[in-house]
């Protein structure tokens, strides 16, 4: 028996997320943070036009989650220990 349609769709989505994140990291290395962010915003805008805002929001959230997991401390609130007296 083959994969369930939901499993296939989930795998496709995960692959797409990794691919966009890989491209973002390339831009980041080549062009810097600001230009990479602008480019990625354009990607999400294009996806929203083609697939709808919900699909773009899902992709944006997944890419941001991958980015945060890849860079400890980015997008996360860390509590600091109280100062010593």
PDB file of N, CA and C in Angstrom:
ATOM      1  N   UNK A   1       0.835  -1.182   0.000  1.00  0.00           N
ATOM      2  CA  UNK A   1       0.000   0.000   0.000  1.00  0.00           C
ATOM      3  C   UNK A   1       0.883   1.249   0.000  1.00  0.00           C
ATOM      4  N   UNK A   2       0.374   2.313  -0.605  1.00  0.00           N
ATOM      5  CA  UNK A   2       1.117   3.569  -0.687  1.00  0.00           C
ATOM      6  C   UNK A   2       0.889   4.451   0.524  1.00  0.00           C
ATOM      7  N   UNK A   3       1.509   5.603   0.467  1.00  0.00           N
ATOM      8  CA  UNK A   3       1.359   6.567   1.551  1.00  0.00           C
ATOM      9  C   UNK A   3      -0.049   7.146   1.554  1.00  0.00           C
ATOM     10  N   UNK A   4      -0.473   7.551   2.717  1.00  0.00           N
ATOM     11  CA  UNK A   4      -1.754   8.236   2.831  1.00  0.00           C
ATOM     12  C   UNK A   4      -1.613   9.628   2.226  1.00  0.00           C
ATOM     13  N   UNK A   5      -2.674  10.164   1.619  1.00  0.00           N
ATOM     14  CA  UNK A   5      -2.579  11.510   1.029  1.00  0.00           C
ATOM     15  C   UNK A   5      -2.109  12.568   2.022  1.00  0.00           C
ATOM     16  N   UNK A   6      -2.542  12.492   3.267  1.00  0.00           N
ATOM     17  CA  UNK A   6      -2.120  13.483   4.254  1.00  0.00           C
ATOM     18  C   UNK A   6      -0.628  13.386   4.540  1.00  0.00           C
ATOM     19  N   UNK A   7      -0.103  12.175   4.587  1.00  0.00           N
ATOM     20  CA  UNK A   7       1.330  12.002   4.805  1.00  0.00           C
ATOM     21  C   UNK A   7       2.121  12.581   3.641  1.00  0.00           C
ATOM     22  N   UNK A   8       1.647  12.322   2.449  1.00  0.00           N
ATOM     23  CA  UNK A   8       2.318  12.840   1.257  1.00  0.00           C
ATOM     24  C   UNK A   8       2.298  14.363   1.264  1.00  0.00           C
ATOM     25  N   UNK A   9       1.171  14.951   1.565  1.00  0.00           N
ATOM     26  CA  UNK A   9       1.050  16.413   1.598  1.00  0.00           C
ATOM     27  C   UNK A   9       1.953  17.003   2.678  1.00  0.00           C
ATOM     28  N   UNK A  10       2.008  16.357   3.839  1.00  0.00           N
ATOM     29  CA  UNK A  10       2.860  16.835   4.929  1.00  0.00           C
ATOM     30  C   UNK A  10       4.331  16.784   4.511  1.00  0.00           C
ATOM     31  N   UNK A  11       4.725  15.695   3.876  1.00  0.00           N
ATOM     32  CA  UNK A  11       6.102  15.554   3.412  1.00  0.00           C
ATOM     33  C   UNK A  11       6.427  16.617   2.360  1.00  0.00           C
ATOM     34  N   UNK A  12       5.522  16.849   1.428  1.00  0.00           N
ATOM     35  CA  UNK A  12       5.722  17.872   0.401  1.00  0.00           C
ATOM     36  C   UNK A  12       5.897  19.243   1.041  1.00  0.00           C
ATOM     37  N   UNK A  13       5.060  19.534   2.031  1.00  0.00           N
ATOM     38  CA  UNK A  13       5.139  20.827   2.727  1.00  0.00           C
ATOM     39  C   UNK A  13       6.482  20.967   3.447  1.00  0.00           C
ATOM     40  N   UNK A  14       6.927  19.912   4.143  1.00  0.00           N
ATOM     41  CA  UNK A  14       8.200  19.954   4.856  1.00  0.00           C
ATOM     42  C   UNK A  14       9.368  20.168   3.894  1.00  0.00           C
ATOM     43  N   UNK A  15       9.304  19.507   2.746  1.00  0.00           N
ATOM     44  CA  UNK A  15      10.354  19.679   1.738  1.00  0.00           C
ATOM     45  C   UNK A  15      10.374  21.110   1.204  1.00  0.00           C
ATOM     46  N   UNK A  16       9.193  21.657   0.964  1.00  0.00           N
ATOM     47  CA  UNK A  16       9.104  23.028   0.471  1.00  0.00           C
ATOM     48  C   UNK A  16       9.658  24.007   1.497  1.00  0.00           C
ATOM     49  N   UNK A  17       9.325  23.798   2.751  1.00  0.00           N
ATOM     50  CA  UNK A  17       9.825  24.669   3.815  1.00  0.00           C
ATOM     51  C   UNK A  17      11.353  24.635   3.849  1.00  0.00           C
ATOM     52  N   UNK A  18      11.926  23.436   3.824  1.00  0.00           N
ATOM     53  CA  UNK A  18      13.386  23.317   3.843  1.00  0.00           C
ATOM     54  C   UNK A  18      14.017  23.987   2.628  1.00  0.00           C
ATOM     55  N   UNK A  19      13.374  23.858   1.471  1.00  0.00           N
ATOM     56  CA  UNK A  19      13.923  24.474   0.252  1.00  0.00           C
ATOM     57  C   UNK A  19      13.908  25.998   0.332  1.00  0.00           C
ATOM     58  N   UNK A  20      12.799  26.585   0.762  1.00  0.00           N
ATOM     59  CA  UNK A  20      12.747  28.046   0.883  1.00  0.00           C
ATOM     60  C   UNK A  20      13.733  28.539   1.926  1.00  0.00           C
ATOM     61  N   UNK A  21      13.872  27.784   3.018  1.00  0.00           N
ATOM     62  CA  UNK A  21      14.832  28.174   4.049  1.00  0.00           C
ATOM     63  C   UNK A  21      16.254  28.095   3.513  1.00  0.00           C
ATOM     64  N   UNK A  22      16.571  27.072   2.745  1.00  0.00           N
ATOM     65  CA  UNK A  22      17.901  26.945   2.135  1.00  0.00           C
ATOM     66  C   UNK A  22      18.187  28.144   1.225  1.00  0.00           C
ATOM     67  N   UNK A  23      17.209  28.508   0.414  1.00  0.00           N
ATOM     68  CA  UNK A  23      17.386  29.656  -0.485  1.00  0.00           C
ATOM     69  C   UNK A  23      17.556  30.950   0.299  1.00  0.00           C
ATOM     70  N   UNK A  24      16.795  31.086   1.395  1.00  0.00           N
ATOM     71  CA  UNK A  24      16.923  32.263   2.253  1.00  0.00           C
ATOM     72  C   UNK A  24      18.342  32.347   2.825  1.00  0.00           C
ATOM     73  N   UNK A  25      18.881  31.213   3.316  1.00  0.00           N
ATOM     74  CA  UNK A  25      20.229  31.202   3.883  1.00  0.00           C
ATOM     75  C   UNK A  25      21.272  31.579   2.827  1.00  0.00           C
ATOM     76  N   UNK A  26      21.075  31.145   1.594  1.00  0.00           N
ATOM     77  CA  UNK A  26      21.996  31.527   0.511  1.00  0.00           C
ATOM     78  C   UNK A  26      21.969  33.031   0.307  1.00  0.00           C
ATOM     79  N   UNK A  27      20.761  33.584   0.235  1.00  0.00           N
ATOM     80  CA  UNK A  27      20.642  35.042   0.060  1.00  0.00           C
ATOM     81  C   UNK A  27      21.257  35.784   1.234  1.00  0.00           C
ATOM     82  N   UNK A  28      21.028  35.276   2.408  1.00  0.00           N
ATOM     83  CA  UNK A  28      21.572  35.884   3.615  1.00  0.00           C
ATOM     84  C   UNK A  28      23.093  35.953   3.531  1.00  0.00           C
ATOM     85  N   UNK A  29      23.722  34.872   3.118  1.00  0.00           N
ATOM     86  CA  UNK A  29      25.176  34.830   3.020  1.00  0.00           C
ATOM     87  C   UNK A  29      25.699  35.739   1.909  1.00  0.00           C
ATOM     88  N   UNK A  30      24.963  35.818   0.813  1.00  0.00           N
ATOM     89  CA  UNK A  30      25.425  36.580  -0.348  1.00  0.00           C
ATOM     90  C   UNK A  30      25.080  38.059  -0.276  1.00  0.00           C
ATOM     91  N   UNK A  31      23.881  38.385   0.255  1.00  0.00           N
ATOM     92  CA  UNK A  31      23.384  39.754   0.140  1.00  0.00           C
ATOM     93  C   UNK A  31      23.121  40.450   1.470  1.00  0.00           C
ATOM     94  N   UNK A  32      23.168  39.719   2.557  1.00  0.00           N
ATOM     95  CA  UNK A  32      22.940  40.334   3.856  1.00  0.00           C
ATOM     96  C   UNK A  32      21.510  40.158   4.333  1.00  0.00           C
ATOM     97  N   UNK A  33      21.327  40.458   5.601  1.00  0.00           N
ATOM     98  CA  UNK A  33      20.056  40.216   6.281  1.00  0.00           C
ATOM     99  C   UNK A  33      18.893  40.989   5.666  1.00  0.00           C
ATOM    100  N   UNK A  34      19.064  42.289   5.470  1.00  0.00           N
ATOM    101  CA  UNK A  34      17.959  43.120   4.985  1.00  0.00           C
ATOM    102  C   UNK A  34      17.453  42.656   3.617  1.00  0.00           C
ATOM    103  N   UNK A  35      18.361  42.444   2.691  1.00  0.00           N
ATOM    104  CA  UNK A  35      17.954  42.021   1.344  1.00  0.00           C
ATOM    105  C   UNK A  35      17.359  40.619   1.352  1.00  0.00           C
ATOM    106  N   UNK A  36      17.885  39.740   2.207  1.00  0.00           N
ATOM    107  CA  UNK A  36      17.331  38.386   2.304  1.00  0.00           C
ATOM    108  C   UNK A  36      15.903  38.427   2.843  1.00  0.00           C
ATOM    109  N   UNK A  37      15.673  39.265   3.851  1.00  0.00           N
ATOM    110  CA  UNK A  37      14.319  39.393   4.405  1.00  0.00           C
ATOM    111  C   UNK A  37      13.351  39.979   3.377  1.00  0.00           C
ATOM    112  N   UNK A  38      13.800  40.998   2.642  1.00  0.00           N
ATOM    113  CA  UNK A  38      12.953  41.596   1.603  1.00  0.00           C
ATOM    114  C   UNK A  38      12.599  40.555   0.542  1.00  0.00           C
ATOM    115  N   UNK A  39      13.584  39.779   0.135  1.00  0.00           N
ATOM    116  CA  UNK A  39      13.345  38.740  -0.868  1.00  0.00           C
ATOM    117  C   UNK A  39      12.324  37.728  -0.360  1.00  0.00           C
ATOM    118  N   UNK A  40      12.484  37.282   0.889  1.00  0.00           N
ATOM    119  CA  UNK A  40      11.578  36.282   1.443  1.00  0.00           C
ATOM    120  C   UNK A  40      10.159  36.837   1.582  1.00  0.00           C
ATOM    121  N   UNK A  41      10.038  38.113   1.951  1.00  0.00           N
ATOM    122  CA  UNK A  41       8.701  38.734   2.001  1.00  0.00           C
ATOM    123  C   UNK A  41       8.052  38.718   0.626  1.00  0.00           C
ATOM    124  N   UNK A  42       8.855  38.960  -0.421  1.00  0.00           N
ATOM    125  CA  UNK A  42       8.340  38.902  -1.781  1.00  0.00           C
ATOM    126  C   UNK A  42       7.886  37.502  -2.164  1.00  0.00           C
ATOM    127  N   UNK A  43       8.636  36.501  -1.724  1.00  0.00           N
ATOM    128  CA  UNK A  43       8.259  35.105  -1.977  1.00  0.00           C
ATOM    129  C   UNK A  43       6.901  34.822  -1.354  1.00  0.00           C
ATOM    130  N   UNK A  44       6.732  35.216  -0.084  1.00  0.00           N
ATOM    131  CA  UNK A  44       5.461  34.968   0.605  1.00  0.00           C
ATOM    132  C   UNK A  44       4.317  35.727  -0.058  1.00  0.00           C
ATOM    133  N   UNK A  45       4.582  36.942  -0.532  1.00  0.00           N
ATOM    134  CA  UNK A  45       3.543  37.711  -1.228  1.00  0.00           C
ATOM    135  C   UNK A  45       3.132  37.008  -2.523  1.00  0.00           C
ATOM    136  N   UNK A  46       4.098  36.495  -3.270  1.00  0.00           N
ATOM    137  CA  UNK A  46       3.792  35.769  -4.505  1.00  0.00           C
ATOM    138  C   UNK A  46       2.989  34.505  -4.220  1.00  0.00           C
ATOM    139  N   UNK A  47       3.359  33.794  -3.170  1.00  0.00           N
ATOM    140  CA  UNK A  47       2.627  32.585  -2.810  1.00  0.00           C
ATOM    141  C   UNK A  47       1.207  32.918  -2.387  1.00  0.00           C
ATOM    142  N   UNK A  48       1.038  34.019  -1.669  1.00  0.00           N
ATOM    143  CA  UNK A  48      -0.304  34.445  -1.258  1.00  0.00           C
ATOM    144  C   UNK A  48      -1.175  34.733  -2.482  1.00  0.00           C
ATOM    145  N   UNK A  49      -0.595  35.330  -3.514  1.00  0.00           N
ATOM    146  CA  UNK A  49      -1.348  35.625  -4.734  1.00  0.00           C
ATOM    147  C   UNK A  49      -1.749  34.337  -5.461  1.00  0.00           C
ATOM    148  N   UNK A  50      -0.838  33.373  -5.490  1.00  0.00           N
ATOM    149  CA  UNK A  50      -1.074  32.144  -6.248  1.00  0.00           C
ATOM    150  C   UNK A  50      -1.896  31.113  -5.492  1.00  0.00           C
ATOM    151  N   UNK A  51      -1.613  30.955  -4.182  1.00  0.00           N
ATOM    152  CA  UNK A  51      -2.251  29.884  -3.411  1.00  0.00           C
ATOM    153  C   UNK A  51      -3.185  30.380  -2.317  1.00  0.00           C
ATOM    154  N   UNK A  52      -3.138  31.670  -2.054  1.00  0.00           N
ATOM    155  CA  UNK A  52      -3.984  32.228  -1.010  1.00  0.00           C
ATOM    156  C   UNK A  52      -3.184  32.601   0.232  1.00  0.00           C
ATOM    157  N   UNK A  53      -3.758  33.508   1.008  1.00  0.00           N
ATOM    158  CA  UNK A  53      -3.079  34.020   2.194  1.00  0.00           C
ATOM    159  C   UNK A  53      -2.846  32.922   3.234  1.00  0.00           C
ATOM    160  N   UNK A  54      -3.783  32.007   3.362  1.00  0.00           N
ATOM    161  CA  UNK A  54      -3.643  30.948   4.362  1.00  0.00           C
ATOM    162  C   UNK A  54      -2.423  30.073   4.068  1.00  0.00           C
ATOM    163  N   UNK A  55      -2.224  29.724   2.821  1.00  0.00           N
ATOM    164  CA  UNK A  55      -1.060  28.911   2.447  1.00  0.00           C
ATOM    165  C   UNK A  55       0.236  29.672   2.696  1.00  0.00           C
ATOM    166  N   UNK A  56       0.245  30.960   2.373  1.00  0.00           N
ATOM    167  CA  UNK A  56       1.443  31.771   2.601  1.00  0.00           C
ATOM    168  C   UNK A  56       1.732  31.902   4.093  1.00  0.00           C
ATOM    169  N   UNK A  57       0.694  32.081   4.891  1.00  0.00           N
ATOM    170  CA  UNK A  57       0.880  32.191   6.344  1.00  0.00           C
ATOM    171  C   UNK A  57       1.411  30.897   6.941  1.00  0.00           C
ATOM    172  N   UNK A  58       0.895  29.763   6.468  1.00  0.00           N
ATOM    173  CA  UNK A  58       1.378  28.458   6.935  1.00  0.00           C
ATOM    174  C   UNK A  58       2.859  28.276   6.597  1.00  0.00           C
ATOM    175  N   UNK A  59       3.213  28.631   5.369  1.00  0.00           N
ATOM    176  CA  UNK A  59       4.603  28.505   4.940  1.00  0.00           C
ATOM    177  C   UNK A  59       5.501  29.450   5.734  1.00  0.00           C
ATOM    178  N   UNK A  60       5.057  30.689   5.926  1.00  0.00           N
ATOM    179  CA  UNK A  60       5.835  31.668   6.686  1.00  0.00           C
ATOM    180  C   UNK A  60       6.090  31.167   8.111  1.00  0.00           C
ATOM    181  N   UNK A  61       5.055  30.648   8.743  1.00  0.00           N
ATOM    182  CA  UNK A  61       5.203  30.153  10.117  1.00  0.00           C
ATOM    183  C   UNK A  61       6.183  28.982  10.170  1.00  0.00           C
ATOM    184  N   UNK A  62       6.106  28.099   9.198  1.00  0.00           N
ATOM    185  CA  UNK A  62       6.994  26.930   9.183  1.00  0.00           C
ATOM    186  C   UNK A  62       8.445  27.341   8.917  1.00  0.00           C
ATOM    187  N   UNK A  63       8.658  28.280   8.005  1.00  0.00           N
ATOM    188  CA  UNK A  63      10.016  28.756   7.722  1.00  0.00           C
ATOM    189  C   UNK A  63      10.579  29.467   8.956  1.00  0.00           C
ATOM    190  N   UNK A  64       9.756  30.287   9.603  1.00  0.00           N
ATOM    191  CA  UNK A  64      10.216  30.982  10.804  1.00  0.00           C
ATOM    192  C   UNK A  64      10.535  30.001  11.926  1.00  0.00           C
ATOM    193  N   UNK A  65       9.741  28.949  12.057  1.00  0.00           N
ATOM    194  CA  UNK A  65      10.006  27.934  13.081  1.00  0.00           C
ATOM    195  C   UNK A  65      11.325  27.222  12.793  1.00  0.00           C
ATOM    196  N   UNK A  66      11.578  26.916  11.536  1.00  0.00           N
ATOM    197  CA  UNK A  66      12.832  26.278  11.157  1.00  0.00           C
ATOM    198  C   UNK A  66      14.005  27.218  11.420  1.00  0.00           C
ATOM    199  N   UNK A  67      13.826  28.483  11.093  1.00  0.00           N
ATOM    200  CA  UNK A  67      14.875  29.474  11.327  1.00  0.00           C
ATOM    201  C   UNK A  67      15.185  29.596  12.816  1.00  0.00           C
ATOM    202  N   UNK A  68      14.146  29.640  13.642  1.00  0.00           N
ATOM    203  CA  UNK A  68      14.345  29.757  15.089  1.00  0.00           C
ATOM    204  C   UNK A  68      15.024  28.513  15.651  1.00  0.00           C
ATOM    205  N   UNK A  69      14.674  27.345  15.126  1.00  0.00           N
ATOM    206  CA  UNK A  69      15.295  26.105  15.596  1.00  0.00           C
ATOM    207  C   UNK A  69      16.754  26.027  15.168  1.00  0.00           C
ATOM    208  N   UNK A  70      17.064  26.617  14.020  1.00  0.00           N
ATOM    209  CA  UNK A  70      18.419  26.580  13.483  1.00  0.00           C
ATOM    210  C   UNK A  70      19.342  27.571  14.190  1.00  0.00           C
ATOM    211  N   UNK A  71      18.763  28.633  14.749  1.00  0.00           N
ATOM    212  CA  UNK A  71      19.551  29.681  15.382  1.00  0.00           C
ATOM    213  C   UNK A  71      19.091  29.842  16.823  1.00  0.00           C
ATOM    214  N   UNK A  72      19.693  29.135  17.747  1.00  0.00           N
ATOM    215  CA  UNK A  72      19.263  29.241  19.142  1.00  0.00           C
ATOM    216  C   UNK A  72      19.267  30.685  19.619  1.00  0.00           C
ATOM    217  N   UNK A  73      18.193  31.055  20.285  1.00  0.00           N
ATOM    218  CA  UNK A  73      18.076  32.408  20.808  1.00  0.00           C
ATOM    219  C   UNK A  73      17.338  33.358  19.892  1.00  0.00           C
ATOM    220  N   UNK A  74      17.163  33.009  18.620  1.00  0.00           N
ATOM    221  CA  UNK A  74      16.464  33.886  17.694  1.00  0.00           C
ATOM    222  C   UNK A  74      14.970  33.651  17.837  1.00  0.00           C
ATOM    223  N   UNK A  75      14.239  34.705  18.107  1.00  0.00           N
ATOM    224  CA  UNK A  75      12.792  34.608  18.218  1.00  0.00           C
ATOM    225  C   UNK A  75      12.316  33.923  19.485  1.00  0.00           C
ATOM    226  N   UNK A  76      13.201  33.735  20.433  1.00  0.00           N
ATOM    227  CA  UNK A  76      12.822  33.079  21.672  1.00  0.00           C
ATOM    228  C   UNK A  76      13.122  34.012  22.834  1.00  0.00           C
ATOM    229  N   UNK A  77      12.309  33.954  23.847  1.00  0.00           N
ATOM    230  CA  UNK A  77      12.536  34.741  25.047  1.00  0.00           C
ATOM    231  C   UNK A  77      13.247  33.866  26.060  1.00  0.00           C
ATOM    232  N   UNK A  78      14.441  34.238  26.427  1.00  0.00           N
ATOM    233  CA  UNK A  78      15.182  33.497  27.429  1.00  0.00           C
ATOM    234  C   UNK A  78      15.159  34.300  28.717  1.00  0.00           C
ATOM    235  N   UNK A  79      14.846  33.620  29.794  1.00  0.00           N
ATOM    236  CA  UNK A  79      14.885  34.329  31.061  1.00  0.00           C
ATOM    237  C   UNK A  79      16.310  34.325  31.580  1.00  0.00           C
ATOM    238  N   UNK A  80      16.693  35.427  32.153  1.00  0.00           N
ATOM    239  CA  UNK A  80      18.028  35.548  32.724  1.00  0.00           C
ATOM    240  C   UNK A  80      17.946  35.264  34.214  1.00  0.00           C
ATOM    241  N   UNK A  81      18.993  34.705  34.746  1.00  0.00           N
ATOM    242  CA  UNK A  81      18.980  34.488  36.195  1.00  0.00           C
ATOM    243  C   UNK A  81      19.045  35.842  36.896  1.00  0.00           C
ATOM    244  N   UNK A  82      18.513  35.915  38.100  1.00  0.00           N
ATOM    245  CA  UNK A  82      18.549  37.197  38.809  1.00  0.00           C
ATOM    246  C   UNK A  82      19.984  37.595  39.110  1.00  0.00           C
ATOM    247  N   UNK A  83      20.260  38.893  39.175  1.00  0.00           N
ATOM    248  CA  UNK A  83      21.628  39.336  39.468  1.00  0.00           C
ATOM    249  C   UNK A  83      22.056  38.928  40.862  1.00  0.00           C
ATOM    250  N   UNK A  84      23.330  38.634  41.004  1.00  0.00           N
ATOM    251  CA  UNK A  84      23.853  38.247  42.318  1.00  0.00           C
ATOM    252  C   UNK A  84      24.085  39.487  43.156  1.00  0.00           C
ATOM    253  N   UNK A  85      23.902  39.339  44.427  1.00  0.00           N
ATOM    254  CA  UNK A  85      24.104  40.472  45.341  1.00  0.00           C
ATOM    255  C   UNK A  85      25.408  40.355  46.058  1.00  0.00           C
TER     256      UNK A  85
END
